[in-house]
Amino acid sequence: MTVDDIIFLESRQHYLKICCENENYELRGRISDYETMLEKYGFVRVNIGFIINCKYIKTLKTKKIILCNGMEISIGSNRHDKVRHAYMVYVREKNKWKL
């Protein structure tokens, strides 16, 4: 598994579910420990329980994100600006070298 394969991280009580394209993993930990570490790879925390890889965002709406796999995740009321900014940075970097 590489960082690029991770779709999202979900916090459930004291465990983290790491959802990848082909497999899911579960480990003990706090989501806040991964938030800053993954930010430089195009991840953004969208609410109290989810960190999303911008690569897998299909649609960004005001109150929710729709992922490429069809899953809908709500955006925390105080996080929309940060999520929108992170997604725009990701799109800009992704398209940087395209003509």
C-alpha atoms as a PDB file:
ATOM      1  CA  MET A   1       0.000   0.000   0.000  1.00  0.00           C
ATOM      2  CA  THR A   2       1.216   3.492  -0.857  1.00  0.00           C
ATOM      3  CA  VAL A   3      -0.161   6.835   0.287  1.00  0.00           C
ATOM      4  CA  ASP A   4      -1.585   7.304  -3.215  1.00  0.00           C
ATOM      5  CA  ASP A   5      -3.763   4.170  -2.783  1.00  0.00           C
ATOM      6  CA  ILE A   6      -5.523   5.529   0.317  1.00  0.00           C
ATOM      7  CA  ILE A   7      -9.028   6.879  -0.363  1.00  0.00           C
ATOM      8  CA  PHE A   8      -9.805   7.984   3.188  1.00  0.00           C
ATOM      9  CA  LEU A   9      -9.136   7.443   6.874  1.00  0.00           C
ATOM     10  CA  GLU A  10     -12.070   7.092   9.229  1.00  0.00           C
ATOM     11  CA  SER A  11     -11.931   7.333  13.001  1.00  0.00           C
ATOM     12  CA  ARG A  12     -14.061   4.851  14.935  1.00  0.00           C
ATOM     13  CA  GLN A  13     -13.691   5.058  18.695  1.00  0.00           C
ATOM     14  CA  HIS A  14      -9.966   4.347  19.251  1.00  0.00           C
ATOM     15  CA  TYR A  15      -9.346   2.772  15.849  1.00  0.00           C
ATOM     16  CA  LEU A  16      -8.626   4.077  12.378  1.00  0.00           C
ATOM     17  CA  LYS A  17     -10.061   2.459   9.292  1.00  0.00           C
ATOM     18  CA  ILE A  18      -7.822   3.048   6.281  1.00  0.00           C
ATOM     19  CA  CYS A  19      -9.833   2.516   3.119  1.00  0.00           C
ATOM     20  CA  CYS A  20      -7.776   1.808  -0.020  1.00  0.00           C
ATOM     21  CA  GLU A  21      -8.793   0.955  -3.564  1.00  0.00           C
ATOM     22  CA  ASN A  22      -8.379  -2.804  -3.094  1.00  0.00           C
ATOM     23  CA  GLU A  23      -8.239  -3.407   0.637  1.00  0.00           C
ATOM     24  CA  ASN A  24      -9.088  -1.913   4.022  1.00  0.00           C
ATOM     25  CA  TYR A  25      -6.895  -1.797   7.106  1.00  0.00           C
ATOM     26  CA  GLU A  26      -7.606  -1.107  10.739  1.00  0.00           C
ATOM     27  CA  LEU A  27      -5.169   0.110  13.350  1.00  0.00           C
ATOM     28  CA  ARG A  28      -5.243   1.680  16.753  1.00  0.00           C
ATOM     29  CA  GLY A  29      -4.611   5.417  16.783  1.00  0.00           C
ATOM     30  CA  ARG A  30      -5.911   8.951  16.682  1.00  0.00           C
ATOM     31  CA  ILE A  31      -6.955  10.635  13.461  1.00  0.00           C
ATOM     32  CA  SER A  32      -5.338  13.894  14.557  1.00  0.00           C
ATOM     33  CA  ASP A  33      -1.925  12.184  14.494  1.00  0.00           C
ATOM     34  CA  TYR A  34      -2.305  11.624  10.739  1.00  0.00           C
ATOM     35  CA  GLU A  35      -3.923  14.917   9.736  1.00  0.00           C
ATOM     36  CA  THR A  36      -0.738  17.012   9.496  1.00  0.00           C
ATOM     37  CA  MET A  37       1.402  14.149   8.268  1.00  0.00           C
ATOM     38  CA  LEU A  38      -0.865  13.426   5.258  1.00  0.00           C
ATOM     39  CA  GLU A  39      -1.634  17.045   4.355  1.00  0.00           C
ATOM     40  CA  LYS A  40       1.436  17.315   2.081  1.00  0.00           C
ATOM     41  CA  TYR A  41       0.186  14.320   0.068  1.00  0.00           C
ATOM     42  CA  GLY A  42      -3.142  15.957  -0.849  1.00  0.00           C
ATOM     43  CA  PHE A  43      -5.251  14.820   2.108  1.00  0.00           C
ATOM     44  CA  VAL A  44      -7.682  17.049   3.985  1.00  0.00           C
ATOM     45  CA  ARG A  45      -9.733  16.544   7.126  1.00  0.00           C
ATOM     46  CA  VAL A  46     -13.377  17.105   6.214  1.00  0.00           C
ATOM     47  CA  ASN A  47     -15.031  16.489   9.573  1.00  0.00           C
ATOM     48  CA  ILE A  48     -14.272  15.124  13.022  1.00  0.00           C
ATOM     49  CA  GLY A  49     -14.017  11.535  11.788  1.00  0.00           C
ATOM     50  CA  PHE A  50     -12.676  11.632   8.208  1.00  0.00           C
ATOM     51  CA  ILE A  51      -9.515  12.536   6.316  1.00  0.00           C
ATOM     52  CA  ILE A  52      -9.981  12.351   2.535  1.00  0.00           C
ATOM     53  CA  ASN A  53      -7.462  11.984  -0.287  1.00  0.00           C
ATOM     54  CA  CYS A  54      -8.299  14.805  -2.757  1.00  0.00           C
ATOM     55  CA  LYS A  55      -7.384  12.461  -5.605  1.00  0.00           C
ATOM     56  CA  TYR A  56     -10.606  10.507  -5.005  1.00  0.00           C
ATOM     57  CA  ILE A  57     -13.017  13.453  -4.797  1.00  0.00           C
ATOM     58  CA  LYS A  58     -15.547  13.270  -7.611  1.00  0.00           C
ATOM     59  CA  THR A  59     -17.768  16.181  -6.547  1.00  0.00           C
ATOM     60  CA  LEU A  60     -17.267  18.882  -3.947  1.00  0.00           C
ATOM     61  CA  LYS A  61     -20.501  20.470  -2.748  1.00  0.00           C
ATOM     62  CA  THR A  62     -21.183  22.972   0.012  1.00  0.00           C
ATOM     63  CA  LYS A  63     -22.028  20.426   2.692  1.00  0.00           C
ATOM     64  CA  LYS A  64     -20.719  17.132   1.331  1.00  0.00           C
ATOM     65  CA  ILE A  65     -18.136  15.383  -0.774  1.00  0.00           C
ATOM     66  CA  ILE A  66     -18.925  12.597  -3.203  1.00  0.00           C
ATOM     67  CA  LEU A  67     -16.030  10.216  -3.701  1.00  0.00           C
ATOM     68  CA  CYS A  68     -15.219   8.314  -6.894  1.00  0.00           C
ATOM     69  CA  ASN A  69     -16.644   5.159  -5.298  1.00  0.00           C
ATOM     70  CA  GLY A  70     -20.016   6.917  -4.749  1.00  0.00           C
ATOM     71  CA  MET A  71     -19.626   7.349  -0.995  1.00  0.00           C
ATOM     72  CA  GLU A  72     -20.937  10.653   0.388  1.00  0.00           C
ATOM     73  CA  ILE A  73     -19.215  12.286   3.353  1.00  0.00           C
ATOM     74  CA  SER A  74     -20.491  15.412   5.072  1.00  0.00           C
ATOM     75  CA  ILE A  75     -18.196  18.402   5.477  1.00  0.00           C
ATOM     76  CA  GLY A  76     -17.999  19.881   8.957  1.00  0.00           C
ATOM     77  CA  SER A  77     -19.579  23.325   9.211  1.00  0.00           C
ATOM     78  CA  ASN A  78     -16.277  25.013  10.075  1.00  0.00           C
ATOM     79  CA  ARG A  79     -14.168  23.068   7.532  1.00  0.00           C
ATOM     80  CA  HIS A  80     -15.665  23.931   4.137  1.00  0.00           C
ATOM     81  CA  ASP A  81     -13.185  26.715   3.295  1.00  0.00           C
ATOM     82  CA  LYS A  82     -10.192  24.564   4.211  1.00  0.00           C
ATOM     83  CA  VAL A  83     -11.539  21.598   2.213  1.00  0.00           C
ATOM     84  CA  ARG A  84     -12.240  23.777  -0.819  1.00  0.00           C
ATOM     85  CA  HIS A  85      -8.788  25.347  -0.645  1.00  0.00           C
ATOM     86  CA  ALA A  86      -7.033  21.962  -0.298  1.00  0.00           C
ATOM     87  CA  TYR A  87      -8.964  20.582  -3.259  1.00  0.00           C
ATOM     88  CA  MET A  88      -8.131  23.612  -5.435  1.00  0.00           C
ATOM     89  CA  VAL A  89      -4.432  23.274  -4.555  1.00  0.00           C
ATOM     90  CA  TYR A  90      -4.588  19.588  -5.481  1.00  0.00           C
ATOM     91  CA  VAL A  91      -6.291  20.298  -8.835  1.00  0.00           C
ATOM     92  CA  ARG A  92      -3.826  23.085  -9.615  1.00  0.00           C
ATOM     93  CA  GLU A  93      -0.818  20.844  -8.879  1.00  0.00           C
ATOM     94  CA  LYS A  94      -2.303  17.926 -10.810  1.00  0.00           C
ATOM     95  CA  ASN A  95      -2.800  20.067 -13.906  1.00  0.00           C
ATOM     96  CA  LYS A  96       0.425  22.036 -13.539  1.00  0.00           C
ATOM     97  CA  TRP A  97       2.239  20.467 -16.466  1.00  0.00           C
ATOM     98  CA  LYS A  98      -0.694  19.948 -18.827  1.00  0.00           C
ATOM     99  CA  LEU A  99      -1.006  22.235 -21.816  1.00  0.00           C
END
